[in-house]
Amino acid sequence: MSMDASRPDSWWVYLVRTRLGALYTGIATDVIRRLGEHAGGRGAKYLRARGPLTLAYSVSVGTRGTALRLESAIKRLPRARKENIVQVQPGLLTLAQLAGRPDLVTPEPSPSAAVPALAIPAQGPPLAPD
């Protein structure tokens, strides 16, 4: 869970687990800093007096708009689906699919798509041994 906050467009979606096991979903450019704010009572009111808090999941999602849309979609999911996200620890593309928002992410081209296909000769008669 590397949190590179050096890029201003590097937004993250994260899930925090409370003392009683509830999952809170949020967004930030620096997840560790934000978790500290939550733990110090300076973050979301929902998390106050619900500590200790633990970071259960985070993923870089790119832009703030994408982060907001994914956060909203995840917040609407039932608890079992959120628990599945924490258990599977999906990448961005899979998270978007699990949250019902695959439209938010453009799949990256596969490495094989950039390499031209090799021509495989048609199979002919077996070669005679030397």
Protein backbone atom coordinates (compact mmCIF):
# COMPACT_ATOMS: atom_id res chain seq x y z
CA MET A 1 0.00 0.00 0.00
CA SER A 2 2.40 2.65 -1.16
CA MET A 3 0.91 6.09 -0.73
CA ASP A 4 2.70 8.45 -3.14
CA ALA A 5 1.34 11.88 -2.37
CA SER A 6 4.00 13.60 -4.46
CA ARG A 7 1.60 13.98 -7.39
CA PRO A 8 -1.27 16.38 -6.73
CA ASP A 9 -3.56 14.30 -8.95
CA SER A 10 -2.81 11.12 -7.02
CA TRP A 11 -6.07 10.53 -5.15
CA TRP A 12 -6.75 7.43 -3.09
CA VAL A 13 -9.87 5.59 -1.95
CA TYR A 14 -9.48 3.92 1.44
CA LEU A 15 -11.44 1.86 3.93
CA VAL A 16 -10.84 2.21 7.67
CA ARG A 17 -11.98 -0.40 10.20
CA THR A 18 -13.29 0.87 13.55
CA ARG A 19 -12.95 -0.73 16.98
CA LEU A 20 -16.33 -2.43 16.55
CA GLY A 21 -15.53 -3.67 13.03
CA ALA A 22 -17.46 -1.12 10.97
CA LEU A 23 -15.91 -0.01 7.68
CA TYR A 24 -15.65 3.69 6.80
CA THR A 25 -14.88 4.74 3.21
CA GLY A 26 -13.05 7.95 2.37
CA ILE A 27 -10.72 9.64 -0.12
CA ALA A 28 -7.44 11.50 0.33
CA THR A 29 -4.21 12.46 -1.39
CA ASP A 30 -2.21 11.22 1.62
CA VAL A 31 -3.91 8.26 3.28
CA ILE A 32 -1.49 7.99 6.21
CA ARG A 33 -1.91 11.67 7.08
CA ARG A 34 -5.69 11.36 6.77
CA LEU A 35 -5.76 8.27 8.99
CA GLY A 36 -3.81 10.27 11.59
CA GLU A 37 -6.39 13.05 11.35
CA HIS A 38 -9.20 10.54 11.87
CA ALA A 39 -7.39 8.96 14.83
CA GLY A 40 -6.82 12.41 16.34
CA GLY A 41 -10.51 13.31 16.13
CA ARG A 42 -9.95 15.90 13.38
CA GLY A 43 -11.46 13.86 10.55
CA ALA A 44 -14.99 12.64 9.93
CA LYS A 45 -17.38 12.96 12.87
CA TYR A 46 -18.49 9.37 12.31
CA LEU A 47 -15.05 8.09 13.32
CA ARG A 48 -14.73 10.11 16.52
CA ALA A 49 -14.81 7.86 19.61
CA ARG A 50 -14.80 4.76 17.38
CA GLY A 51 -11.05 4.09 17.61
CA PRO A 52 -8.67 2.53 17.50
CA LEU A 53 -8.82 2.75 13.73
CA THR A 54 -6.94 0.54 11.29
CA LEU A 55 -6.39 1.01 7.58
CA ALA A 56 -8.11 -1.95 5.95
CA TYR A 57 -7.64 -1.09 2.25
CA SER A 58 -6.41 1.65 -0.04
CA VAL A 59 -5.86 2.07 -3.77
CA SER A 60 -4.66 4.93 -5.93
CA VAL A 61 -7.44 6.01 -8.29
CA GLY A 62 -5.95 9.02 -10.09
CA THR A 63 -8.20 12.04 -10.18
CA ARG A 64 -10.35 13.55 -7.47
CA GLY A 65 -13.47 13.04 -9.58
CA THR A 66 -12.81 9.32 -9.93
CA ALA A 67 -12.11 9.09 -6.20
CA LEU A 68 -15.39 10.83 -5.33
CA ARG A 69 -17.43 8.61 -7.65
CA LEU A 70 -15.83 5.40 -6.36
CA GLU A 71 -16.23 6.52 -2.74
CA SER A 72 -19.91 7.14 -3.33
CA ALA A 73 -20.38 3.77 -5.04
CA ILE A 74 -18.55 1.90 -2.28
CA LYS A 75 -20.56 3.64 0.45
CA ARG A 76 -23.75 2.30 -1.17
CA LEU A 77 -22.50 -1.30 -1.12
CA PRO A 78 -23.76 -3.72 1.50
CA ARG A 79 -21.33 -4.63 4.28
CA ALA A 80 -20.58 -8.07 2.79
CA ARG A 81 -19.36 -6.49 -0.46
CA LYS A 82 -17.16 -4.04 1.45
CA GLU A 83 -15.71 -6.94 3.46
CA ASN A 84 -14.99 -8.67 0.14
CA ILE A 85 -13.02 -5.62 -1.02
CA VAL A 86 -10.95 -5.71 2.17
CA GLN A 87 -10.36 -9.45 1.83
CA VAL A 88 -9.47 -9.46 -1.89
CA GLN A 89 -7.49 -6.15 -1.89
CA PRO A 90 -8.32 -5.52 -5.57
CA GLY A 91 -6.55 -3.16 -7.91
CA LEU A 92 -8.35 -0.17 -9.36
CA LEU A 93 -9.98 -1.94 -12.32
CA THR A 94 -11.40 -4.75 -10.18
CA LEU A 95 -12.49 -2.30 -7.47
CA ALA A 96 -14.42 -0.28 -10.03
CA GLN A 97 -16.13 -3.48 -11.20
CA LEU A 98 -16.92 -4.59 -7.63
CA ALA A 99 -18.37 -1.14 -6.90
CA GLY A 100 -20.54 -1.32 -10.02
CA ARG A 101 -18.65 1.52 -11.75
CA PRO A 102 -16.42 -0.08 -14.43
CA ASP A 103 -17.09 3.04 -16.53
CA LEU A 104 -14.74 5.02 -14.26
CA VAL A 105 -11.64 3.12 -15.31
CA THR A 106 -10.20 2.50 -18.74
CA PRO A 107 -8.39 -0.83 -18.80
CA GLU A 108 -4.74 -0.49 -19.64
CA PRO A 109 -3.69 -2.28 -22.82
CA SER A 110 -2.19 -5.66 -22.16
CA PRO A 111 1.55 -5.97 -22.78
CA SER A 112 0.90 -8.51 -25.52
CA ALA A 113 -1.18 -5.95 -27.44
CA ALA A 114 1.89 -3.76 -27.91
CA VAL A 115 4.03 -6.59 -29.27
CA PRO A 116 3.21 -7.82 -32.77
CA ALA A 117 2.12 -11.43 -32.91
CA LEU A 118 4.74 -13.90 -34.01
CA ALA A 119 3.99 -15.82 -37.16
CA ILE A 120 3.79 -19.51 -36.39
CA PRO A 121 4.44 -21.65 -39.43
CA ALA A 122 1.86 -24.20 -40.39
CA GLN A 123 2.76 -27.64 -39.18
CA GLY A 124 4.27 -29.70 -41.95
CA PRO A 125 5.59 -33.24 -42.13
CA PRO A 126 7.99 -34.23 -39.35
CA LEU A 127 11.63 -33.50 -40.01
CA ALA A 128 13.93 -36.45 -40.67
CA PRO A 129 16.52 -36.99 -37.93
CA ASP A 130 20.05 -35.84 -38.77
